[in-house]
Amino acid sequence: MVDLDVRCDCGTVRAVIRDATPENTNRVVCECGWCQRYAHLLERVDTMLDERGGTEVFQIRPSSLELLAGQDRLECMHLTSGGARRWYAGCCRSPIANTLAKPGPPFVGVLACCVDWTQVAKEEALGPVRVRVNGVVPPADRTRLRARRRDQFSMLGHYAPKFFGWWLRGEGKQIPFFDAAGQPIAEPERIRTEPVR
């Protein structure tokens, strides 16, 4: 187990993820147009997107994330009605994490680009990327389609039991980006835009 330091580029927003292991995290790369649009809106394409346009995110249980400083500088946007809340540091526009629109499901997706990887290797702390999701795979490329389906089932087998265990323990009610009444700690800004295609 290892604690992971999370911080924005200027160091104003700081957090820690306690006791990260490959067993209690789920490392994925999302290639959706909304994640790509988010990178463009923050002007962070070079640090957020890989060569295929994917954003690396690792999913954790909310109780393992502790906000240490700069909570008043956190801002969030949502790009679709009812869609994910995308949390970032307003001071330097560094992406931090994604949550669902409301607390309930025990889910926080931390963007890998905001973690200090100088103390530990990513693979040691999180394990391998389990799946690339939401990318375009040509229907004729049956090999890639089969590999993607296999990876998705493997990822679900790894993550679903943990997710439901956290849900049963009520961990979705304690998401650090929401207050005790279930309201976001920053008013979400609704961005009217289209995904990158």
C-alpha atoms as a PDB file:
ATOM      1  CA  MET A   1       0.000   0.000   0.000  1.00  0.00           C
ATOM      2  CA  VAL A   2       1.163   3.506  -0.768  1.00  0.00           C
ATOM      3  CA  ASP A   3      -0.169   7.026  -0.225  1.00  0.00           C
ATOM      4  CA  LEU A   4      -0.321   9.084  -3.417  1.00  0.00           C
ATOM      5  CA  ASP A   5       0.126  12.863  -3.408  1.00  0.00           C
ATOM      6  CA  VAL A   6      -2.357  14.719  -5.598  1.00  0.00           C
ATOM      7  CA  ARG A   7      -1.744  18.352  -6.433  1.00  0.00           C
ATOM      8  CA  CYS A   8      -2.481  21.016  -8.975  1.00  0.00           C
ATOM      9  CA  ASP A   9       0.403  22.483 -10.973  1.00  0.00           C
ATOM     10  CA  CYS A  10       0.847  25.508  -8.707  1.00  0.00           C
ATOM     11  CA  GLY A  11       0.482  23.465  -5.485  1.00  0.00           C
ATOM     12  CA  THR A  12      -2.530  25.353  -4.129  1.00  0.00           C
ATOM     13  CA  VAL A  13      -4.900  22.382  -4.300  1.00  0.00           C
ATOM     14  CA  ARG A  14      -3.485  19.347  -2.518  1.00  0.00           C
ATOM     15  CA  ALA A  15      -4.921  15.973  -1.583  1.00  0.00           C
ATOM     16  CA  VAL A  16      -3.766  12.501  -0.696  1.00  0.00           C
ATOM     17  CA  ILE A  17      -5.035   9.081  -1.687  1.00  0.00           C
ATOM     18  CA  ARG A  18      -4.503   6.692   1.216  1.00  0.00           C
ATOM     19  CA  ASP A  19      -3.423   3.077   0.842  1.00  0.00           C
ATOM     20  CA  ALA A  20      -3.525   2.762  -2.960  1.00  0.00           C
ATOM     21  CA  THR A  21      -2.916  -0.727  -4.291  1.00  0.00           C
ATOM     22  CA  PRO A  22      -3.627  -2.399  -7.631  1.00  0.00           C
ATOM     23  CA  GLU A  23      -6.326  -4.387  -5.823  1.00  0.00           C
ATOM     24  CA  ASN A  24      -8.350  -1.362  -4.649  1.00  0.00           C
ATOM     25  CA  THR A  25      -7.998   0.864  -7.712  1.00  0.00           C
ATOM     26  CA  ASN A  26      -9.129   0.520 -11.297  1.00  0.00           C
ATOM     27  CA  ARG A  27      -6.841   2.067 -13.920  1.00  0.00           C
ATOM     28  CA  VAL A  28      -8.480   2.879 -17.257  1.00  0.00           C
ATOM     29  CA  VAL A  29      -7.942   5.134 -20.260  1.00  0.00           C
ATOM     30  CA  CYS A  30     -11.023   6.919 -21.569  1.00  0.00           C
ATOM     31  CA  GLU A  31     -10.971   7.955 -25.223  1.00  0.00           C
ATOM     32  CA  CYS A  32     -14.395   9.650 -25.300  1.00  0.00           C
ATOM     33  CA  GLY A  33     -14.933  12.965 -27.039  1.00  0.00           C
ATOM     34  CA  TRP A  34     -16.067  14.587 -23.772  1.00  0.00           C
ATOM     35  CA  CYS A  35     -12.766  13.842 -22.015  1.00  0.00           C
ATOM     36  CA  GLN A  36     -10.989  15.242 -25.061  1.00  0.00           C
ATOM     37  CA  ARG A  37     -13.180  18.373 -25.021  1.00  0.00           C
ATOM     38  CA  TYR A  38     -12.411  18.806 -21.303  1.00  0.00           C
ATOM     39  CA  ALA A  39      -8.663  18.715 -22.025  1.00  0.00           C
ATOM     40  CA  HIS A  40      -9.148  21.391 -24.687  1.00  0.00           C
ATOM     41  CA  LEU A  41     -11.257  23.591 -22.385  1.00  0.00           C
ATOM     42  CA  LEU A  42      -8.567  23.483 -19.689  1.00  0.00           C
ATOM     43  CA  GLU A  43      -5.861  23.969 -22.343  1.00  0.00           C
ATOM     44  CA  ARG A  44      -4.192  20.777 -21.060  1.00  0.00           C
ATOM     45  CA  VAL A  45      -4.121  18.616 -24.179  1.00  0.00           C
ATOM     46  CA  ASP A  46      -0.380  17.893 -23.843  1.00  0.00           C
ATOM     47  CA  THR A  47      -0.621  16.660 -20.241  1.00  0.00           C
ATOM     48  CA  MET A  48      -4.080  15.035 -20.242  1.00  0.00           C
ATOM     49  CA  LEU A  49      -4.262  13.165 -23.542  1.00  0.00           C
ATOM     50  CA  ASP A  50      -2.057  10.351 -24.771  1.00  0.00           C
ATOM     51  CA  GLU A  51      -1.092   9.690 -28.396  1.00  0.00           C
ATOM     52  CA  ARG A  52      -4.523   8.113 -29.086  1.00  0.00           C
ATOM     53  CA  GLY A  53      -6.501  10.908 -27.423  1.00  0.00           C
ATOM     54  CA  GLY A  54      -7.082   8.985 -24.197  1.00  0.00           C
ATOM     55  CA  THR A  55      -7.211  10.348 -20.657  1.00  0.00           C
ATOM     56  CA  GLU A  56      -5.786   8.098 -17.951  1.00  0.00           C
ATOM     57  CA  VAL A  57      -8.062   7.887 -14.922  1.00  0.00           C
ATOM     58  CA  PHE A  58      -7.990   5.593 -11.935  1.00  0.00           C
ATOM     59  CA  GLN A  59     -11.121   4.892  -9.975  1.00  0.00           C
ATOM     60  CA  ILE A  60     -10.991   4.757  -6.191  1.00  0.00           C
ATOM     61  CA  ARG A  61     -13.330   4.531  -3.237  1.00  0.00           C
ATOM     62  CA  PRO A  62     -14.187   8.056  -2.021  1.00  0.00           C
ATOM     63  CA  SER A  63     -13.075   7.496   1.580  1.00  0.00           C
ATOM     64  CA  SER A  64      -9.475   6.956   0.440  1.00  0.00           C
ATOM     65  CA  LEU A  65      -9.236  10.545  -0.895  1.00  0.00           C
ATOM     66  CA  GLU A  66      -8.568  13.336   1.586  1.00  0.00           C
ATOM     67  CA  LEU A  67      -8.534  16.987   0.496  1.00  0.00           C
ATOM     68  CA  LEU A  68      -5.692  18.731   2.349  1.00  0.00           C
ATOM     69  CA  ALA A  69      -5.579  22.295   1.020  1.00  0.00           C
ATOM     70  CA  GLY A  70      -7.133  24.592  -1.538  1.00  0.00           C
ATOM     71  CA  GLN A  71     -10.705  23.291  -1.366  1.00  0.00           C
ATOM     72  CA  ASP A  72     -11.886  26.874  -1.892  1.00  0.00           C
ATOM     73  CA  ARG A  73     -10.017  26.894  -5.233  1.00  0.00           C
ATOM     74  CA  LEU A  74     -11.759  23.794  -6.590  1.00  0.00           C
ATOM     75  CA  GLU A  75     -14.146  24.355  -9.453  1.00  0.00           C
ATOM     76  CA  CYS A  76     -16.150  21.956 -11.538  1.00  0.00           C
ATOM     77  CA  MET A  77     -17.846  21.804 -14.879  1.00  0.00           C
ATOM     78  CA  HIS A  78     -20.215  19.429 -16.525  1.00  0.00           C
ATOM     79  CA  LEU A  79     -20.420  19.106 -20.255  1.00  0.00           C
ATOM     80  CA  THR A  80     -23.675  17.142 -20.500  1.00  0.00           C
ATOM     81  CA  SER A  81     -26.843  17.470 -18.461  1.00  0.00           C
ATOM     82  CA  GLY A  82     -26.608  15.018 -15.601  1.00  0.00           C
ATOM     83  CA  GLY A  83     -23.133  13.976 -16.743  1.00  0.00           C
ATOM     84  CA  ALA A  84     -19.906  13.708 -14.809  1.00  0.00           C
ATOM     85  CA  ARG A  85     -18.688  16.543 -12.646  1.00  0.00           C
ATOM     86  CA  ARG A  86     -15.160  17.359 -13.743  1.00  0.00           C
ATOM     87  CA  TRP A  87     -13.219  18.900 -10.856  1.00  0.00           C
ATOM     88  CA  TYR A  88     -10.199  21.122 -11.457  1.00  0.00           C
ATOM     89  CA  ALA A  89      -8.090  23.727  -9.682  1.00  0.00           C
ATOM     90  CA  GLY A  90      -9.365  27.178 -10.608  1.00  0.00           C
ATOM     91  CA  CYS A  91      -5.996  28.713  -9.701  1.00  0.00           C
ATOM     92  CA  CYS A  92      -4.049  27.019 -12.518  1.00  0.00           C
ATOM     93  CA  ARG A  93      -6.731  24.995 -14.370  1.00  0.00           C
ATOM     94  CA  SER A  94      -5.191  21.639 -13.448  1.00  0.00           C
ATOM     95  CA  PRO A  95      -7.580  18.682 -13.679  1.00  0.00           C
ATOM     96  CA  ILE A  96      -8.039  16.775 -10.424  1.00  0.00           C
ATOM     97  CA  ALA A  97     -10.901  14.274 -10.490  1.00  0.00           C
ATOM     98  CA  ASN A  98     -14.264  13.257 -11.902  1.00  0.00           C
ATOM     99  CA  THR A  99     -17.365  12.355  -9.927  1.00  0.00           C
ATOM    100  CA  LEU A 100     -20.898  11.522 -10.836  1.00  0.00           C
ATOM    101  CA  ALA A 101     -23.467  14.322 -10.740  1.00  0.00           C
ATOM    102  CA  LYS A 102     -24.670  13.426  -7.243  1.00  0.00           C
ATOM    103  CA  PRO A 103     -23.297  11.441  -4.345  1.00  0.00           C
ATOM    104  CA  GLY A 104     -24.585   7.920  -3.955  1.00  0.00           C
ATOM    105  CA  PRO A 105     -22.468   5.604  -6.051  1.00  0.00           C
ATOM    106  CA  PRO A 106     -19.056   5.294  -4.319  1.00  0.00           C
ATOM    107  CA  PHE A 107     -16.927   6.557  -7.166  1.00  0.00           C
ATOM    108  CA  VAL A 108     -14.148   9.085  -7.692  1.00  0.00           C
ATOM    109  CA  GLY A 109     -12.036   9.001 -10.838  1.00  0.00           C
ATOM    110  CA  VAL A 110      -8.669  10.687 -10.242  1.00  0.00           C
ATOM    111  CA  LEU A 111      -6.783  11.920 -13.281  1.00  0.00           C
ATOM    112  CA  ALA A 112      -3.345  10.325 -13.331  1.00  0.00           C
ATOM    113  CA  CYS A 113      -1.740  13.548 -14.582  1.00  0.00           C
ATOM    114  CA  CYS A 114      -2.346  15.273 -11.223  1.00  0.00           C
ATOM    115  CA  VAL A 115      -0.488  12.676  -9.135  1.00  0.00           C
ATOM    116  CA  ASP A 116       3.153  13.035  -8.079  1.00  0.00           C
ATOM    117  CA  TRP A 117       4.749   9.932  -9.608  1.00  0.00           C
ATOM    118  CA  THR A 118       8.298  10.738  -8.423  1.00  0.00           C
ATOM    119  CA  GLN A 119       7.900   8.616  -5.260  1.00  0.00           C
ATOM    120  CA  VAL A 120       6.395   5.457  -6.749  1.00  0.00           C
ATOM    121  CA  ALA A 121       5.931   3.868 -10.167  1.00  0.00           C
ATOM    122  CA  LYS A 122       2.409   4.013 -11.547  1.00  0.00           C
ATOM    123  CA  GLU A 123       2.309   0.274 -12.197  1.00  0.00           C
ATOM    124  CA  GLU A 124       3.413  -0.476  -8.641  1.00  0.00           C
ATOM    125  CA  ALA A 125       0.689   1.711  -7.110  1.00  0.00           C
ATOM    126  CA  LEU A 126      -2.163   1.049  -9.548  1.00  0.00           C
ATOM    127  CA  GLY A 127      -1.310  -2.003 -11.589  1.00  0.00           C
ATOM    128  CA  PRO A 128      -1.699  -2.057 -15.373  1.00  0.00           C
ATOM    129  CA  VAL A 129      -4.229  -0.159 -17.454  1.00  0.00           C
ATOM    130  CA  ARG A 130      -7.132  -2.590 -17.385  1.00  0.00           C
ATOM    131  CA  VAL A 131      -9.026  -1.282 -20.392  1.00  0.00           C
ATOM    132  CA  ARG A 132      -9.273   1.534 -22.911  1.00  0.00           C
ATOM    133  CA  VAL A 133     -12.910   2.628 -23.134  1.00  0.00           C
ATOM    134  CA  ASN A 134     -15.118   4.741 -25.392  1.00  0.00           C
ATOM    135  CA  GLY A 135     -12.711   4.817 -28.316  1.00  0.00           C
ATOM    136  CA  VAL A 136     -13.650   4.111 -31.878  1.00  0.00           C
ATOM    137  CA  VAL A 137     -12.839   0.602 -33.065  1.00  0.00           C
ATOM    138  CA  PRO A 138     -13.698  -0.111 -36.710  1.00  0.00           C
ATOM    139  CA  PRO A 139     -16.339  -2.889 -36.828  1.00  0.00           C
ATOM    140  CA  ALA A 140     -14.180  -4.784 -39.322  1.00  0.00           C
ATOM    141  CA  ASP A 141     -11.309  -4.994 -36.813  1.00  0.00           C
ATOM    142  CA  ARG A 142     -12.597  -8.104 -35.054  1.00  0.00           C
ATOM    143  CA  THR A 143      -9.320  -8.727 -33.235  1.00  0.00           C
ATOM    144  CA  ARG A 144      -9.428  -5.341 -31.485  1.00  0.00           C
ATOM    145  CA  LEU A 145     -13.158  -5.685 -30.793  1.00  0.00           C
ATOM    146  CA  ARG A 146     -12.646  -9.065 -29.127  1.00  0.00           C
ATOM    147  CA  ALA A 147      -9.675  -7.749 -27.131  1.00  0.00           C
ATOM    148  CA  ARG A 148     -11.696  -4.737 -25.963  1.00  0.00           C
ATOM    149  CA  ARG A 149     -14.623  -6.918 -24.871  1.00  0.00           C
ATOM    150  CA  ARG A 150     -12.250  -9.256 -23.025  1.00  0.00           C
ATOM    151  CA  ASP A 151     -10.593  -6.309 -21.275  1.00  0.00           C
ATOM    152  CA  GLN A 152     -13.973  -4.794 -20.328  1.00  0.00           C
ATOM    153  CA  PHE A 153     -15.167  -8.055 -18.760  1.00  0.00           C
ATOM    154  CA  SER A 154     -11.861  -8.438 -16.935  1.00  0.00           C
ATOM    155  CA  MET A 155     -12.115  -4.880 -15.601  1.00  0.00           C
ATOM    156  CA  LEU A 156     -15.702  -5.429 -14.453  1.00  0.00           C
ATOM    157  CA  GLY A 157     -14.695  -8.652 -12.718  1.00  0.00           C
ATOM    158  CA  HIS A 158     -11.944  -6.764 -10.891  1.00  0.00           C
ATOM    159  CA  TYR A 159     -13.888  -3.619  -9.981  1.00  0.00           C
ATOM    160  CA  ALA A 160     -17.577  -4.526  -9.615  1.00  0.00           C
ATOM    161  CA  PRO A 161     -17.243  -6.510  -6.347  1.00  0.00           C
ATOM    162  CA  LYS A 162     -15.302  -3.658  -4.742  1.00  0.00           C
ATOM    163  CA  PHE A 163     -17.781  -1.052  -5.994  1.00  0.00           C
ATOM    164  CA  PHE A 164     -20.783  -2.914  -4.595  1.00  0.00           C
ATOM    165  CA  GLY A 165     -19.003  -3.566  -1.296  1.00  0.00           C
ATOM    166  CA  TRP A 166     -18.255   0.142  -0.942  1.00  0.00           C
ATOM    167  CA  TRP A 167     -21.874   0.933  -1.850  1.00  0.00           C
ATOM    168  CA  LEU A 168     -23.225  -1.453   0.803  1.00  0.00           C
ATOM    169  CA  ARG A 169     -20.956   0.186   3.399  1.00  0.00           C
ATOM    170  CA  GLY A 170     -22.380   3.610   2.487  1.00  0.00           C
ATOM    171  CA  GLU A 171     -19.137   5.038   1.161  1.00  0.00           C
ATOM    172  CA  GLY A 172     -20.982   6.913  -1.592  1.00  0.00           C
ATOM    173  CA  LYS A 173     -22.364   9.310   0.997  1.00  0.00           C
ATOM    174  CA  GLN A 174     -18.892  10.609   1.903  1.00  0.00           C
ATOM    175  CA  ILE A 175     -17.488  11.934  -1.358  1.00  0.00           C
ATOM    176  CA  PRO A 176     -15.009  14.759  -0.608  1.00  0.00           C
ATOM    177  CA  PHE A 177     -16.323  16.985  -3.406  1.00  0.00           C
ATOM    178  CA  PHE A 178     -19.808  17.143  -1.860  1.00  0.00           C
ATOM    179  CA  ASP A 179     -20.933  18.535   1.491  1.00  0.00           C
ATOM    180  CA  ALA A 180     -22.932  16.660   4.138  1.00  0.00           C
ATOM    181  CA  ALA A 181     -26.200  17.652   2.436  1.00  0.00           C
ATOM    182  CA  GLY A 182     -25.020  16.123  -0.864  1.00  0.00           C
ATOM    183  CA  GLN A 183     -24.395  19.456  -2.591  1.00  0.00           C
ATOM    184  CA  PRO A 184     -21.214  20.028  -4.635  1.00  0.00           C
ATOM    185  CA  ILE A 185     -18.648  22.158  -2.778  1.00  0.00           C
ATOM    186  CA  ALA A 186     -18.350  24.348  -5.904  1.00  0.00           C
ATOM    187  CA  GLU A 187     -21.262  25.367  -8.097  1.00  0.00           C
ATOM    188  CA  PRO A 188     -20.977  23.306 -11.292  1.00  0.00           C
ATOM    189  CA  GLU A 189     -20.531  25.376 -14.413  1.00  0.00           C
ATOM    190  CA  ARG A 190     -22.579  24.023 -17.312  1.00  0.00           C
ATOM    191  CA  ILE A 191     -20.439  24.280 -20.432  1.00  0.00           C
ATOM    192  CA  ARG A 192     -22.429  24.218 -23.638  1.00  0.00           C
ATOM    193  CA  THR A 193     -20.161  22.474 -26.084  1.00  0.00           C
ATOM    194  CA  GLU A 194     -19.858  19.430 -28.293  1.00  0.00           C
ATOM    195  CA  PRO A 195     -17.495  16.493 -27.860  1.00  0.00           C
ATOM    196  CA  VAL A 196     -14.356  16.282 -29.937  1.00  0.00           C
ATOM    197  CA  ARG A 197     -15.047  14.015 -32.905  1.00  0.00           C
END
